[in-house]
Each structure stands twice: as structure tokens, then as C-alpha cells.
Amino acid sequence: MEEKKIDELSFEEAYGALEETLGEMEKGDVPLDKSLELFKRGVLLYKRCKNLIDSASLTVKEVLGDLEKEID
């Protein structure tokens, strides 16, 4: 199975991959080059998760705003 690009991952997939990446980094026996690679991946996964949460938050605000307009 081909691995999805980070920007194609769902929140759950990205969060799971971030947890796995952090777990690898916490082992402590990872060579420096691999640690840097894991760090970069972790940052990208974090950004993906944050973007998806920000987008969901904006959607909720928009829906609530529309609901308030209907009530008025």
C-alpha cells in the first residue's frame, strides 16, 4: 500500500502518525540523522493537525453565526 502524503491525511490519520513519530523519537537510541528526519515529519504532521482543527473551528463558527442570524 502506498503511503499517503501528509497533506492528504485525515485528522485521525495525521494524529496517529504524529503519535507514532513521537514514540520513535522517545526511544532515545535513534541516530541523529534519523532523529532530524523524525523531527521534520513530526512538525509537518503537527501543522496538518492544526490546520484541520483550525478549519473545523472556522466551520463551527460559521454555522453558529448562520444559526444566530436565523434566530434574529
PDB file of N, CA and C in Angstrom:
ATOM      1  N   MET A   1       0.842  -1.192   0.000  1.00  0.00           N
ATOM      2  CA  MET A   1       0.000   0.000   0.000  1.00  0.00           C
ATOM      3  C   MET A   1       0.882   1.248   0.000  1.00  0.00           C
ATOM      4  N   GLU A   2       0.550   2.185  -0.856  1.00  0.00           N
ATOM      5  CA  GLU A   2       1.320   3.421  -0.954  1.00  0.00           C
ATOM      6  C   GLU A   2       0.940   4.365   0.176  1.00  0.00           C
ATOM      7  N   GLU A   3       1.960   4.970   0.791  1.00  0.00           N
ATOM      8  CA  GLU A   3       1.717   5.899   1.898  1.00  0.00           C
ATOM      9  C   GLU A   3       1.163   7.214   1.358  1.00  0.00           C
ATOM     10  N   LYS A   4       0.128   7.724   2.025  1.00  0.00           N
ATOM     11  CA  LYS A   4      -0.464   9.000   1.629  1.00  0.00           C
ATOM     12  C   LYS A   4       0.489  10.135   1.958  1.00  0.00           C
ATOM     13  N   LYS A   5       0.385  11.206   1.185  1.00  0.00           N
ATOM     14  CA  LYS A   5       1.120  12.420   1.510  1.00  0.00           C
ATOM     15  C   LYS A   5       0.493  13.032   2.748  1.00  0.00           C
ATOM     16  N   ILE A   6       1.291  13.727   3.522  1.00  0.00           N
ATOM     17  CA  ILE A   6       0.808  14.317   4.774  1.00  0.00           C
ATOM     18  C   ILE A   6      -0.384  15.236   4.533  1.00  0.00           C
ATOM     19  N   ASP A   7      -0.360  16.005   3.450  1.00  0.00           N
ATOM     20  CA  ASP A   7      -1.463  16.936   3.207  1.00  0.00           C
ATOM     21  C   ASP A   7      -2.732  16.248   2.713  1.00  0.00           C
ATOM     22  N   GLU A   8      -2.699  14.927   2.574  1.00  0.00           N
ATOM     23  CA  GLU A   8      -3.886  14.166   2.187  1.00  0.00           C
ATOM     24  C   GLU A   8      -4.470  13.383   3.366  1.00  0.00           C
ATOM     25  N   LEU A   9      -3.797  13.426   4.511  1.00  0.00           N
ATOM     26  CA  LEU A   9      -4.232  12.650   5.675  1.00  0.00           C
ATOM     27  C   LEU A   9      -5.425  13.294   6.358  1.00  0.00           C
ATOM     28  N   SER A  10      -6.313  12.458   6.871  1.00  0.00           N
ATOM     29  CA  SER A  10      -7.389  12.958   7.721  1.00  0.00           C
ATOM     30  C   SER A  10      -6.770  13.348   9.062  1.00  0.00           C
ATOM     31  N   PHE A  11      -7.560  14.010   9.894  1.00  0.00           N
ATOM     32  CA  PHE A  11      -7.050  14.386  11.206  1.00  0.00           C
ATOM     33  C   PHE A  11      -6.621  13.147  11.986  1.00  0.00           C
ATOM     34  N   GLU A  12      -7.471  12.128  11.986  1.00  0.00           N
ATOM     35  CA  GLU A  12      -7.184  10.915  12.749  1.00  0.00           C
ATOM     36  C   GLU A  12      -5.914  10.223  12.250  1.00  0.00           C
ATOM     37  N   GLU A  13      -5.741  10.190  10.945  1.00  0.00           N
ATOM     38  CA  GLU A  13      -4.536   9.582  10.381  1.00  0.00           C
ATOM     39  C   GLU A  13      -3.283  10.380  10.743  1.00  0.00           C
ATOM     40  N   ALA A  14      -3.375  11.699  10.612  1.00  0.00           N
ATOM     41  CA  ALA A  14      -2.232  12.557  10.916  1.00  0.00           C
ATOM     42  C   ALA A  14      -1.874  12.494  12.399  1.00  0.00           C
ATOM     43  N   TYR A  15      -2.901  12.492  13.248  1.00  0.00           N
ATOM     44  CA  TYR A  15      -2.655  12.434  14.687  1.00  0.00           C
ATOM     45  C   TYR A  15      -2.019  11.093  15.067  1.00  0.00           C
ATOM     46  N   GLY A  16      -2.515  10.022  14.497  1.00  0.00           N
ATOM     47  CA  GLY A  16      -1.931   8.702  14.753  1.00  0.00           C
ATOM     48  C   GLY A  16      -0.483   8.630  14.296  1.00  0.00           C
ATOM     49  N   ALA A  17      -0.209   9.178  13.117  1.00  0.00           N
ATOM     50  CA  ALA A  17       1.161   9.189  12.602  1.00  0.00           C
ATOM     51  C   ALA A  17       2.061  10.054  13.482  1.00  0.00           C
ATOM     52  N   LEU A  18       1.519  11.154  14.000  1.00  0.00           N
ATOM     53  CA  LEU A  18       2.286  12.020  14.904  1.00  0.00           C
ATOM     54  C   LEU A  18       2.628  11.273  16.185  1.00  0.00           C
ATOM     55  N   GLU A  19       1.663  10.546  16.731  1.00  0.00           N
ATOM     56  CA  GLU A  19       1.928   9.748  17.938  1.00  0.00           C
ATOM     57  C   GLU A  19       3.018   8.703  17.681  1.00  0.00           C
ATOM     58  N   GLU A  20       2.954   8.045  16.531  1.00  0.00           N
ATOM     59  CA  GLU A  20       3.969   7.047  16.175  1.00  0.00           C
ATOM     60  C   GLU A  20       5.345   7.703  16.049  1.00  0.00           C
ATOM     61  N   THR A  21       5.376   8.853  15.405  1.00  0.00           N
ATOM     62  CA  THR A  21       6.636   9.573  15.202  1.00  0.00           C
ATOM     63  C   THR A  21       7.240   9.976  16.542  1.00  0.00           C
ATOM     64  N   LEU A  22       6.413  10.502  17.426  1.00  0.00           N
ATOM     65  CA  LEU A  22       6.899  10.892  18.749  1.00  0.00           C
ATOM     66  C   LEU A  22       7.399   9.675  19.527  1.00  0.00           C
ATOM     67  N   GLY A  23       6.700   8.563  19.389  1.00  0.00           N
ATOM     68  CA  GLY A  23       7.129   7.331  20.046  1.00  0.00           C
ATOM     69  C   GLY A  23       8.509   6.892  19.579  1.00  0.00           C
ATOM     70  N   GLU A  24       8.741   7.001  18.288  1.00  0.00           N
ATOM     71  CA  GLU A  24      10.059   6.657  17.742  1.00  0.00           C
ATOM     72  C   GLU A  24      11.143   7.578  18.307  1.00  0.00           C
ATOM     73  N   MET A  25      10.822   8.862  18.384  1.00  0.00           N
ATOM     74  CA  MET A  25      11.798   9.833  18.879  1.00  0.00           C
ATOM     75  C   MET A  25      12.110   9.611  20.353  1.00  0.00           C
ATOM     76  N   GLU A  26      11.129   9.154  21.113  1.00  0.00           N
ATOM     77  CA  GLU A  26      11.305   8.970  22.549  1.00  0.00           C
ATOM     78  C   GLU A  26      12.133   7.744  22.903  1.00  0.00           C
ATOM     79  N   LYS A  27      12.373   6.888  21.951  1.00  0.00           N
ATOM     80  CA  LYS A  27      13.153   5.678  22.221  1.00  0.00           C
ATOM     81  C   LYS A  27      14.561   6.020  22.713  1.00  0.00           C
ATOM     82  N   GLY A  28      15.112   7.089  22.197  1.00  0.00           N
ATOM     83  CA  GLY A  28      16.410   7.537  22.672  1.00  0.00           C
ATOM     84  C   GLY A  28      17.599   6.896  21.988  1.00  0.00           C
ATOM     85  N   ASP A  29      17.400   5.816  21.280  1.00  0.00           N
ATOM     86  CA  ASP A  29      18.518   5.143  20.628  1.00  0.00           C
ATOM     87  C   ASP A  29      18.541   5.396  19.122  1.00  0.00           C
ATOM     88  N   VAL A  30      17.917   6.498  18.708  1.00  0.00           N
ATOM     89  CA  VAL A  30      17.814   6.827  17.291  1.00  0.00           C
ATOM     90  C   VAL A  30      19.007   7.696  16.889  1.00  0.00           C
ATOM     91  N   PRO A  31      19.676   7.343  15.785  1.00  0.00           N
ATOM     92  CA  PRO A  31      20.796   8.163  15.312  1.00  0.00           C
ATOM     93  C   PRO A  31      20.349   9.594  14.981  1.00  0.00           C
ATOM     94  N   LEU A  32      21.275  10.514  15.025  1.00  0.00           N
ATOM     95  CA  LEU A  32      20.975  11.932  14.814  1.00  0.00           C
ATOM     96  C   LEU A  32      20.251  12.172  13.496  1.00  0.00           C
ATOM     97  N   ASP A  33      20.728  11.599  12.412  1.00  0.00           N
ATOM     98  CA  ASP A  33      20.089  11.810  11.109  1.00  0.00           C
ATOM     99  C   ASP A  33      18.630  11.363  11.126  1.00  0.00           C
ATOM    100  N   LYS A  34      18.375  10.213  11.712  1.00  0.00           N
ATOM    101  CA  LYS A  34      17.011   9.694  11.801  1.00  0.00           C
ATOM    102  C   LYS A  34      16.176  10.576  12.724  1.00  0.00           C
ATOM    103  N   SER A  35      16.772  11.068  13.817  1.00  0.00           N
ATOM    104  CA  SER A  35      16.059  11.963  14.740  1.00  0.00           C
ATOM    105  C   SER A  35      15.619  13.238  14.031  1.00  0.00           C
ATOM    106  N   LEU A  36      16.493  13.790  13.201  1.00  0.00           N
ATOM    107  CA  LEU A  36      16.150  15.003  12.456  1.00  0.00           C
ATOM    108  C   LEU A  36      15.036  14.728  11.449  1.00  0.00           C
ATOM    109  N   GLU A  37      15.097  13.588  10.802  1.00  0.00           N
ATOM    110  CA  GLU A  37      14.056  13.191   9.854  1.00  0.00           C
ATOM    111  C   GLU A  37      12.708  13.040  10.575  1.00  0.00           C
ATOM    112  N   LEU A  38      12.738  12.389  11.727  1.00  0.00           N
ATOM    113  CA  LEU A  38      11.522  12.227  12.523  1.00  0.00           C
ATOM    114  C   LEU A  38      10.995  13.571  13.016  1.00  0.00           C
ATOM    115  N   PHE A  39      11.903  14.449  13.415  1.00  0.00           N
ATOM    116  CA  PHE A  39      11.506  15.778  13.879  1.00  0.00           C
ATOM    117  C   PHE A  39      10.792  16.548  12.773  1.00  0.00           C
ATOM    118  N   LYS A  40      11.376  16.538  11.576  1.00  0.00           N
ATOM    119  CA  LYS A  40      10.760  17.235  10.442  1.00  0.00           C
ATOM    120  C   LYS A  40       9.372  16.665  10.147  1.00  0.00           C
ATOM    121  N   ARG A  41       9.264  15.345  10.148  1.00  0.00           N
ATOM    122  CA  ARG A  41       7.973  14.701   9.900  1.00  0.00           C
ATOM    123  C   ARG A  41       6.972  15.089  10.994  1.00  0.00           C
ATOM    124  N   GLY A  42       7.434  15.107  12.228  1.00  0.00           N
ATOM    125  CA  GLY A  42       6.563  15.482  13.336  1.00  0.00           C
ATOM    126  C   GLY A  42       6.025  16.889  13.195  1.00  0.00           C
ATOM    127  N   VAL A  43       6.867  17.806  12.782  1.00  0.00           N
ATOM    128  CA  VAL A  43       6.438  19.193  12.591  1.00  0.00           C
ATOM    129  C   VAL A  43       5.388  19.275  11.483  1.00  0.00           C
ATOM    130  N   LEU A  44       5.617  18.561  10.388  1.00  0.00           N
ATOM    131  CA  LEU A  44       4.653  18.569   9.285  1.00  0.00           C
ATOM    132  C   LEU A  44       3.316  17.949   9.707  1.00  0.00           C
ATOM    133  N   LEU A  45       3.381  16.881  10.475  1.00  0.00           N
ATOM    134  CA  LEU A  45       2.159  16.248  10.966  1.00  0.00           C
ATOM    135  C   LEU A  45       1.421  17.166  11.935  1.00  0.00           C
ATOM    136  N   TYR A  46       2.168  17.839  12.802  1.00  0.00           N
ATOM    137  CA  TYR A  46       1.561  18.800  13.728  1.00  0.00           C
ATOM    138  C   TYR A  46       0.844  19.907  12.952  1.00  0.00           C
ATOM    139  N   LYS A  47       1.505  20.440  11.930  1.00  0.00           N
ATOM    140  CA  LYS A  47       0.900  21.506  11.130  1.00  0.00           C
ATOM    141  C   LYS A  47      -0.370  21.016  10.444  1.00  0.00           C
ATOM    142  N   ARG A  48      -0.354  19.770   9.945  1.00  0.00           N
ATOM    143  CA  ARG A  48      -1.540  19.211   9.302  1.00  0.00           C
ATOM    144  C   ARG A  48      -2.695  19.129  10.304  1.00  0.00           C
ATOM    145  N   CYS A  49      -2.407  18.612  11.486  1.00  0.00           N
ATOM    146  CA  CYS A  49      -3.435  18.508  12.525  1.00  0.00           C
ATOM    147  C   CYS A  49      -3.979  19.886  12.888  1.00  0.00           C
ATOM    148  N   LYS A  50      -3.093  20.837  13.081  1.00  0.00           N
ATOM    149  CA  LYS A  50      -3.510  22.198  13.456  1.00  0.00           C
ATOM    150  C   LYS A  50      -4.362  22.826  12.370  1.00  0.00           C
ATOM    151  N   ASN A  51      -3.968  22.657  11.112  1.00  0.00           N
ATOM    152  CA  ASN A  51      -4.744  23.215  10.011  1.00  0.00           C
ATOM    153  C   ASN A  51      -6.149  22.608   9.959  1.00  0.00           C
ATOM    154  N   LEU A  52      -6.243  21.302  10.162  1.00  0.00           N
ATOM    155  CA  LEU A  52      -7.547  20.645  10.136  1.00  0.00           C
ATOM    156  C   LEU A  52      -8.416  21.101  11.302  1.00  0.00           C
ATOM    157  N   ILE A  53      -7.821  21.265  12.477  1.00  0.00           N
ATOM    158  CA  ILE A  53      -8.574  21.762  13.637  1.00  0.00           C
ATOM    159  C   ILE A  53      -9.020  23.209  13.407  1.00  0.00           C
ATOM    160  N   ASP A  54      -8.124  24.028  12.882  1.00  0.00           N
ATOM    161  CA  ASP A  54      -8.475  25.426  12.602  1.00  0.00           C
ATOM    162  C   ASP A  54      -9.627  25.500  11.599  1.00  0.00           C
ATOM    163  N   SER A  55      -9.581  24.652  10.588  1.00  0.00           N
ATOM    164  CA  SER A  55     -10.631  24.627   9.574  1.00  0.00           C
ATOM    165  C   SER A  55     -11.965  24.187  10.183  1.00  0.00           C
ATOM    166  N   ALA A  56     -11.921  23.167  11.021  1.00  0.00           N
ATOM    167  CA  ALA A  56     -13.141  22.700  11.681  1.00  0.00           C
ATOM    168  C   ALA A  56     -13.708  23.784  12.596  1.00  0.00           C
ATOM    169  N   SER A  57     -12.842  24.480  13.302  1.00  0.00           N
ATOM    170  CA  SER A  57     -13.267  25.553  14.198  1.00  0.00           C
ATOM    171  C   SER A  57     -13.941  26.678  13.416  1.00  0.00           C
ATOM    172  N   LEU A  58     -13.368  27.020  12.276  1.00  0.00           N
ATOM    173  CA  LEU A  58     -13.952  28.062  11.430  1.00  0.00           C
ATOM    174  C   LEU A  58     -15.335  27.639  10.935  1.00  0.00           C
ATOM    175  N   THR A  59     -15.462  26.377  10.548  1.00  0.00           N
ATOM    176  CA  THR A  59     -16.756  25.865  10.091  1.00  0.00           C
ATOM    177  C   THR A  59     -17.804  25.964  11.196  1.00  0.00           C
ATOM    178  N   VAL A  60     -17.421  25.583  12.413  1.00  0.00           N
ATOM    179  CA  VAL A  60     -18.351  25.663  13.548  1.00  0.00           C
ATOM    180  C   VAL A  60     -18.772  27.113  13.779  1.00  0.00           C
ATOM    181  N   LYS A  61     -17.818  28.038  13.745  1.00  0.00           N
ATOM    182  CA  LYS A  61     -18.136  29.453  13.944  1.00  0.00           C
ATOM    183  C   LYS A  61     -19.088  29.963  12.869  1.00  0.00           C
ATOM    184  N   GLU A  62     -18.857  29.547  11.622  1.00  0.00           N
ATOM    185  CA  GLU A  62     -19.722  29.978  10.527  1.00  0.00           C
ATOM    186  C   GLU A  62     -21.132  29.426  10.709  1.00  0.00           C
ATOM    187  N   VAL A  63     -21.238  28.164  11.068  1.00  0.00           N
ATOM    188  CA  VAL A  63     -22.555  27.558  11.268  1.00  0.00           C
ATOM    189  C   VAL A  63     -23.280  28.235  12.421  1.00  0.00           C
ATOM    190  N   LEU A  64     -22.575  28.485  13.510  1.00  0.00           N
ATOM    191  CA  LEU A  64     -23.195  29.165  14.648  1.00  0.00           C
ATOM    192  C   LEU A  64     -23.616  30.583  14.279  1.00  0.00           C
ATOM    193  N   GLY A  65     -22.798  31.251  13.478  1.00  0.00           N
ATOM    194  CA  GLY A  65     -23.136  32.601  13.020  1.00  0.00           C
ATOM    195  C   GLY A  65     -24.391  32.583  12.168  1.00  0.00           C
ATOM    196  N   ASP A  66     -24.485  31.603  11.277  1.00  0.00           N
ATOM    197  CA  ASP A  66     -25.679  31.467  10.441  1.00  0.00           C
ATOM    198  C   ASP A  66     -26.908  31.170  11.292  1.00  0.00           C
ATOM    199  N   LEU A  67     -26.731  30.329  12.309  1.00  0.00           N
ATOM    200  CA  LEU A  67     -27.829  29.990  13.202  1.00  0.00           C
ATOM    201  C   LEU A  67     -28.318  31.220  13.961  1.00  0.00           C
ATOM    202  N   GLU A  68     -27.385  32.036  14.432  1.00  0.00           N
ATOM    203  CA  GLU A  68     -27.760  33.249  15.149  1.00  0.00           C
ATOM    204  C   GLU A  68     -28.551  34.199  14.233  1.00  0.00           C
ATOM    205  N   LYS A  69     -28.159  34.272  12.951  1.00  0.00           N
ATOM    206  CA  LYS A  69     -28.863  35.138  12.003  1.00  0.00           C
ATOM    207  C   LYS A  69     -30.289  34.641  11.798  1.00  0.00           C
ATOM    208  N   GLU A  70     -30.461  33.321  11.758  1.00  0.00           N
ATOM    209  CA  GLU A  70     -31.812  32.758  11.572  1.00  0.00           C
ATOM    210  C   GLU A  70     -32.700  33.027  12.786  1.00  0.00           C
ATOM    211  N   ILE A  71     -32.095  33.047  13.957  1.00  0.00           N
ATOM    212  CA  ILE A  71     -32.856  33.268  15.190  1.00  0.00           C
ATOM    213  C   ILE A  71     -33.313  34.715  15.286  1.00  0.00           C
ATOM    214  N   ASP A  72     -32.481  35.650  14.825  1.00  0.00           N
ATOM    215  CA  ASP A  72     -32.807  37.077  14.916  1.00  0.00           C
ATOM    216  C   ASP A  72     -33.900  37.443  13.987  1.00  0.00           C
TER     217      ASP A  72
END
